[in-house]
Amino acid sequence: MMLNRMNGWQRLWFCLSALSLLIFGIVYPYVTIIDGVNSQSNWEYRNVTRSEVWSGQCDDYVNKEFSQLQEPRYSSTENTCYHIYNSRRFSATQGPYDEERLAAERLSEARWDALGFVAIASVGVLIASGLVYFLGWMVAWVRRGFAKPAA
């Protein structure tokens, strides 16, 4: 097996590369995406949207076709249906407001974000690992050039 023929430095490089790939390619992206999904601002936005739905003042923004709606003005103190409008505007289907469908869309978006993050982080780790291996190979090559030949 090829792993058995590695010297100590190569084995150290291999272990650190595998550990880096695990941490930066899988764990860190997962934790970062989950933190974004469960962030305080995300929860606050959902709560404000729910309060607009339950207020009864935004029935048109909940049920009408999106093309028939006008964008309401933003207000942090009044119920203007702004959050429902934006939830529907950035929804894939722009159909009537459905909290479960929107939550499923957000989860799907988070998964795609995580997949992209994992791909980018994995490629970055593999490139860094390759550069470290190449640097080690170059140092060994230079050292062999200065070594005294066996007589």
C-alpha atoms as a PDB file:
ATOM      1  CA  MET A   1       0.000   0.000   0.000  1.00  0.00           C
ATOM      2  CA  MET A   2       1.221   3.498  -0.835  1.00  0.00           C
ATOM      3  CA  LEU A   3       0.676   4.824   2.701  1.00  0.00           C
ATOM      4  CA  ASN A   4       3.160   2.297   4.087  1.00  0.00           C
ATOM      5  CA  ARG A   5       5.910   3.679   1.830  1.00  0.00           C
ATOM      6  CA  MET A   6       5.566   7.246   3.158  1.00  0.00           C
ATOM      7  CA  ASN A   7       8.311   8.654   5.372  1.00  0.00           C
ATOM      8  CA  GLY A   8       7.522  10.412   8.667  1.00  0.00           C
ATOM      9  CA  TRP A   9       7.170  13.885   7.135  1.00  0.00           C
ATOM     10  CA  GLN A  10       4.854  12.625   4.422  1.00  0.00           C
ATOM     11  CA  ARG A  11       2.708  10.853   7.019  1.00  0.00           C
ATOM     12  CA  LEU A  12       2.549  14.043   9.085  1.00  0.00           C
ATOM     13  CA  TRP A  13       1.572  16.009   5.954  1.00  0.00           C
ATOM     14  CA  PHE A  14      -1.103  13.425   5.104  1.00  0.00           C
ATOM     15  CA  CYS A  15      -2.610  13.455   8.631  1.00  0.00           C
ATOM     16  CA  LEU A  16      -2.638  17.264   8.840  1.00  0.00           C
ATOM     17  CA  SER A  17      -4.174  17.503   5.357  1.00  0.00           C
ATOM     18  CA  ALA A  18      -6.923  15.040   6.286  1.00  0.00           C
ATOM     19  CA  LEU A  19      -7.576  16.874   9.568  1.00  0.00           C
ATOM     20  CA  SER A  20      -7.672  20.249   7.788  1.00  0.00           C
ATOM     21  CA  LEU A  21     -10.076  18.882   5.199  1.00  0.00           C
ATOM     22  CA  LEU A  22     -12.335  17.568   7.941  1.00  0.00           C
ATOM     23  CA  ILE A  23     -12.296  20.819   9.918  1.00  0.00           C
ATOM     24  CA  PHE A  24     -12.285  23.450   7.167  1.00  0.00           C
ATOM     25  CA  GLY A  25     -14.086  21.439   4.502  1.00  0.00           C
ATOM     26  CA  ILE A  26     -16.917  19.966   6.564  1.00  0.00           C
ATOM     27  CA  VAL A  27     -17.217  21.124  10.193  1.00  0.00           C
ATOM     28  CA  TYR A  28     -16.566  24.861   9.760  1.00  0.00           C
ATOM     29  CA  PRO A  29     -18.968  25.325   6.801  1.00  0.00           C
ATOM     30  CA  TYR A  30     -21.704  23.380   8.609  1.00  0.00           C
ATOM     31  CA  VAL A  31     -21.329  25.403  11.798  1.00  0.00           C
ATOM     32  CA  THR A  32     -21.213  28.694   9.881  1.00  0.00           C
ATOM     33  CA  ILE A  33     -24.369  27.938   7.866  1.00  0.00           C
ATOM     34  CA  ILE A  34     -26.266  26.727  10.955  1.00  0.00           C
ATOM     35  CA  ASP A  35     -25.237  29.898  12.820  1.00  0.00           C
ATOM     36  CA  GLY A  36     -26.594  31.988   9.936  1.00  0.00           C
ATOM     37  CA  VAL A  37     -29.898  30.105   9.820  1.00  0.00           C
ATOM     38  CA  ASN A  38     -30.342  30.360  13.597  1.00  0.00           C
ATOM     39  CA  SER A  39     -29.053  33.908  13.969  1.00  0.00           C
ATOM     40  CA  GLN A  40     -30.856  36.430  16.147  1.00  0.00           C
ATOM     41  CA  SER A  41     -31.674  38.690  13.193  1.00  0.00           C
ATOM     42  CA  ASN A  42     -33.142  35.764  11.252  1.00  0.00           C
ATOM     43  CA  TRP A  43     -35.399  34.847  14.175  1.00  0.00           C
ATOM     44  CA  GLU A  44     -36.444  38.470  14.649  1.00  0.00           C
ATOM     45  CA  TYR A  45     -37.347  38.758  10.950  1.00  0.00           C
ATOM     46  CA  ARG A  46     -39.460  35.592  11.155  1.00  0.00           C
ATOM     47  CA  ASN A  47     -41.221  36.831  14.296  1.00  0.00           C
ATOM     48  CA  VAL A  48     -42.048  40.192  12.721  1.00  0.00           C
ATOM     49  CA  THR A  49     -43.356  38.407   9.619  1.00  0.00           C
ATOM     50  CA  ARG A  50     -45.514  36.133  11.769  1.00  0.00           C
ATOM     51  CA  SER A  51     -46.924  39.100  13.669  1.00  0.00           C
ATOM     52  CA  GLU A  52     -47.848  40.754  10.353  1.00  0.00           C
ATOM     53  CA  VAL A  53     -49.633  37.579   9.230  1.00  0.00           C
ATOM     54  CA  TRP A  54     -51.504  37.161  12.515  1.00  0.00           C
ATOM     55  CA  SER A  55     -52.472  40.840  12.729  1.00  0.00           C
ATOM     56  CA  GLY A  56     -55.123  40.401  10.036  1.00  0.00           C
ATOM     57  CA  GLN A  57     -54.139  43.711   8.421  1.00  0.00           C
ATOM     58  CA  CYS A  58     -52.066  42.017   5.724  1.00  0.00           C
ATOM     59  CA  ASP A  59     -54.528  39.510   4.266  1.00  0.00           C
ATOM     60  CA  ASP A  60     -54.039  40.916   0.762  1.00  0.00           C
ATOM     61  CA  TYR A  61     -50.261  40.456   1.074  1.00  0.00           C
ATOM     62  CA  VAL A  62     -50.777  36.902   2.307  1.00  0.00           C
ATOM     63  CA  ASN A  63     -53.321  35.723  -0.285  1.00  0.00           C
ATOM     64  CA  LYS A  64     -53.279  37.871  -3.447  1.00  0.00           C
ATOM     65  CA  GLU A  65     -51.158  37.172  -6.495  1.00  0.00           C
ATOM     66  CA  PHE A  66     -47.750  38.733  -6.052  1.00  0.00           C
ATOM     67  CA  SER A  67     -48.010  40.679  -9.322  1.00  0.00           C
ATOM     68  CA  GLN A  68     -51.052  42.539  -7.910  1.00  0.00           C
ATOM     69  CA  LEU A  69     -49.202  43.801  -4.838  1.00  0.00           C
ATOM     70  CA  GLN A  70     -47.414  47.090  -4.370  1.00  0.00           C
ATOM     71  CA  GLU A  71     -44.286  47.239  -2.250  1.00  0.00           C
ATOM     72  CA  PRO A  72     -45.228  48.720   1.126  1.00  0.00           C
ATOM     73  CA  ARG A  73     -43.009  51.212   2.867  1.00  0.00           C
ATOM     74  CA  TYR A  74     -40.689  49.952   5.572  1.00  0.00           C
ATOM     75  CA  SER A  75     -41.449  50.807   9.168  1.00  0.00           C
ATOM     76  CA  SER A  76     -39.836  49.396  12.277  1.00  0.00           C
ATOM     77  CA  THR A  77     -42.707  50.541  14.496  1.00  0.00           C
ATOM     78  CA  GLU A  78     -45.826  50.040  12.372  1.00  0.00           C
ATOM     79  CA  ASN A  79     -47.327  46.963  10.762  1.00  0.00           C
ATOM     80  CA  THR A  80     -46.924  47.740   7.031  1.00  0.00           C
ATOM     81  CA  CYS A  81     -46.778  44.174   5.611  1.00  0.00           C
ATOM     82  CA  TYR A  82     -43.252  44.906   4.374  1.00  0.00           C
ATOM     83  CA  HIS A  83     -41.790  41.664   5.720  1.00  0.00           C
ATOM     84  CA  ILE A  84     -44.484  39.480   4.128  1.00  0.00           C
ATOM     85  CA  TYR A  85     -43.975  41.265   0.819  1.00  0.00           C
ATOM     86  CA  ASN A  86     -40.210  40.694   0.923  1.00  0.00           C
ATOM     87  CA  SER A  87     -40.623  37.055   1.943  1.00  0.00           C
ATOM     88  CA  ARG A  88     -42.793  36.507  -1.113  1.00  0.00           C
ATOM     89  CA  ARG A  89     -40.596  38.630  -3.406  1.00  0.00           C
ATOM     90  CA  PHE A  90     -37.502  36.530  -2.681  1.00  0.00           C
ATOM     91  CA  SER A  91     -39.408  33.247  -2.701  1.00  0.00           C
ATOM     92  CA  ALA A  92     -38.823  30.871  -5.607  1.00  0.00           C
ATOM     93  CA  THR A  93     -42.542  30.546  -6.413  1.00  0.00           C
ATOM     94  CA  GLN A  94     -43.894  33.923  -5.219  1.00  0.00           C
ATOM     95  CA  GLY A  95     -47.168  32.142  -4.458  1.00  0.00           C
ATOM     96  CA  PRO A  96     -49.434  32.970  -1.523  1.00  0.00           C
ATOM     97  CA  TYR A  97     -47.615  33.271   1.792  1.00  0.00           C
ATOM     98  CA  ASP A  98     -47.059  29.872   3.380  1.00  0.00           C
ATOM     99  CA  GLU A  99     -44.675  29.785   6.321  1.00  0.00           C
ATOM    100  CA  GLU A 100     -43.875  26.082   5.965  1.00  0.00           C
ATOM    101  CA  ARG A 101     -43.071  26.405   2.253  1.00  0.00           C
ATOM    102  CA  LEU A 102     -40.876  29.437   2.895  1.00  0.00           C
ATOM    103  CA  ALA A 103     -39.079  27.612   5.735  1.00  0.00           C
ATOM    104  CA  ALA A 104     -38.449  24.680   3.384  1.00  0.00           C
ATOM    105  CA  GLU A 105     -37.099  27.077   0.738  1.00  0.00           C
ATOM    106  CA  ARG A 106     -34.789  28.714   3.292  1.00  0.00           C
ATOM    107  CA  LEU A 107     -33.533  25.309   4.394  1.00  0.00           C
ATOM    108  CA  SER A 108     -32.920  24.308   0.788  1.00  0.00           C
ATOM    109  CA  GLU A 109     -31.023  27.564   0.183  1.00  0.00           C
ATOM    110  CA  ALA A 110     -28.961  26.944   3.325  1.00  0.00           C
ATOM    111  CA  ARG A 111     -28.088  23.457   2.068  1.00  0.00           C
ATOM    112  CA  TRP A 112     -26.950  24.829  -1.296  1.00  0.00           C
ATOM    113  CA  ASP A 113     -24.962  27.533   0.491  1.00  0.00           C
ATOM    114  CA  ALA A 114     -23.351  24.864   2.657  1.00  0.00           C
ATOM    115  CA  LEU A 115     -22.538  22.716  -0.377  1.00  0.00           C
ATOM    116  CA  GLY A 116     -20.881  25.668  -2.114  1.00  0.00           C
ATOM    117  CA  PHE A 117     -19.024  26.561   1.068  1.00  0.00           C
ATOM    118  CA  VAL A 118     -17.833  22.949   1.467  1.00  0.00           C
ATOM    119  CA  ALA A 119     -16.663  22.851  -2.158  1.00  0.00           C
ATOM    120  CA  ILE A 120     -14.728  26.119  -1.887  1.00  0.00           C
ATOM    121  CA  ALA A 121     -13.187  25.228   1.487  1.00  0.00           C
ATOM    122  CA  SER A 122     -12.257  21.738   0.272  1.00  0.00           C
ATOM    123  CA  VAL A 123     -10.573  23.066  -2.849  1.00  0.00           C
ATOM    124  CA  GLY A 124      -8.733  25.644  -0.723  1.00  0.00           C
ATOM    125  CA  VAL A 125      -7.500  22.974   1.689  1.00  0.00           C
ATOM    126  CA  LEU A 126      -6.422  20.704  -1.175  1.00  0.00           C
ATOM    127  CA  ILE A 127      -4.522  23.547  -2.867  1.00  0.00           C
ATOM    128  CA  ALA A 128      -2.820  24.528   0.401  1.00  0.00           C
ATOM    129  CA  SER A 129      -1.981  20.888   1.070  1.00  0.00           C
ATOM    130  CA  GLY A 130      -0.518  20.476  -2.406  1.00  0.00           C
ATOM    131  CA  LEU A 131       1.587  23.607  -1.969  1.00  0.00           C
ATOM    132  CA  VAL A 132       2.919  22.383   1.384  1.00  0.00           C
ATOM    133  CA  TYR A 133       3.787  19.000  -0.139  1.00  0.00           C
ATOM    134  CA  PHE A 134       5.495  20.672  -3.093  1.00  0.00           C
ATOM    135  CA  LEU A 135       7.471  22.922  -0.741  1.00  0.00           C
ATOM    136  CA  GLY A 136       8.581  19.866   1.263  1.00  0.00           C
ATOM    137  CA  TRP A 137       9.567  18.074  -1.925  1.00  0.00           C
ATOM    138  CA  MET A 138      11.597  21.108  -3.061  1.00  0.00           C
ATOM    139  CA  VAL A 139      13.416  21.341   0.292  1.00  0.00           C
ATOM    140  CA  ALA A 140      14.238  17.616   0.159  1.00  0.00           C
ATOM    141  CA  TRP A 141      15.464  17.984  -3.436  1.00  0.00           C
ATOM    142  CA  VAL A 142      17.754  20.892  -2.502  1.00  0.00           C
ATOM    143  CA  ARG A 143      19.082  18.981   0.547  1.00  0.00           C
ATOM    144  CA  ARG A 144      19.871  15.957  -1.639  1.00  0.00           C
ATOM    145  CA  GLY A 145      21.854  18.259  -3.910  1.00  0.00           C
ATOM    146  CA  PHE A 146      24.093  19.338  -1.007  1.00  0.00           C
ATOM    147  CA  ALA A 147      24.513  15.840   0.448  1.00  0.00           C
ATOM    148  CA  LYS A 148      27.889  14.176   0.004  1.00  0.00           C
ATOM    149  CA  PRO A 149      27.690  11.233  -2.353  1.00  0.00           C
ATOM    150  CA  ALA A 150      28.304   7.859  -0.773  1.00  0.00           C
ATOM    151  CA  ALA A 151      31.795   6.558  -1.677  1.00  0.00           C
END
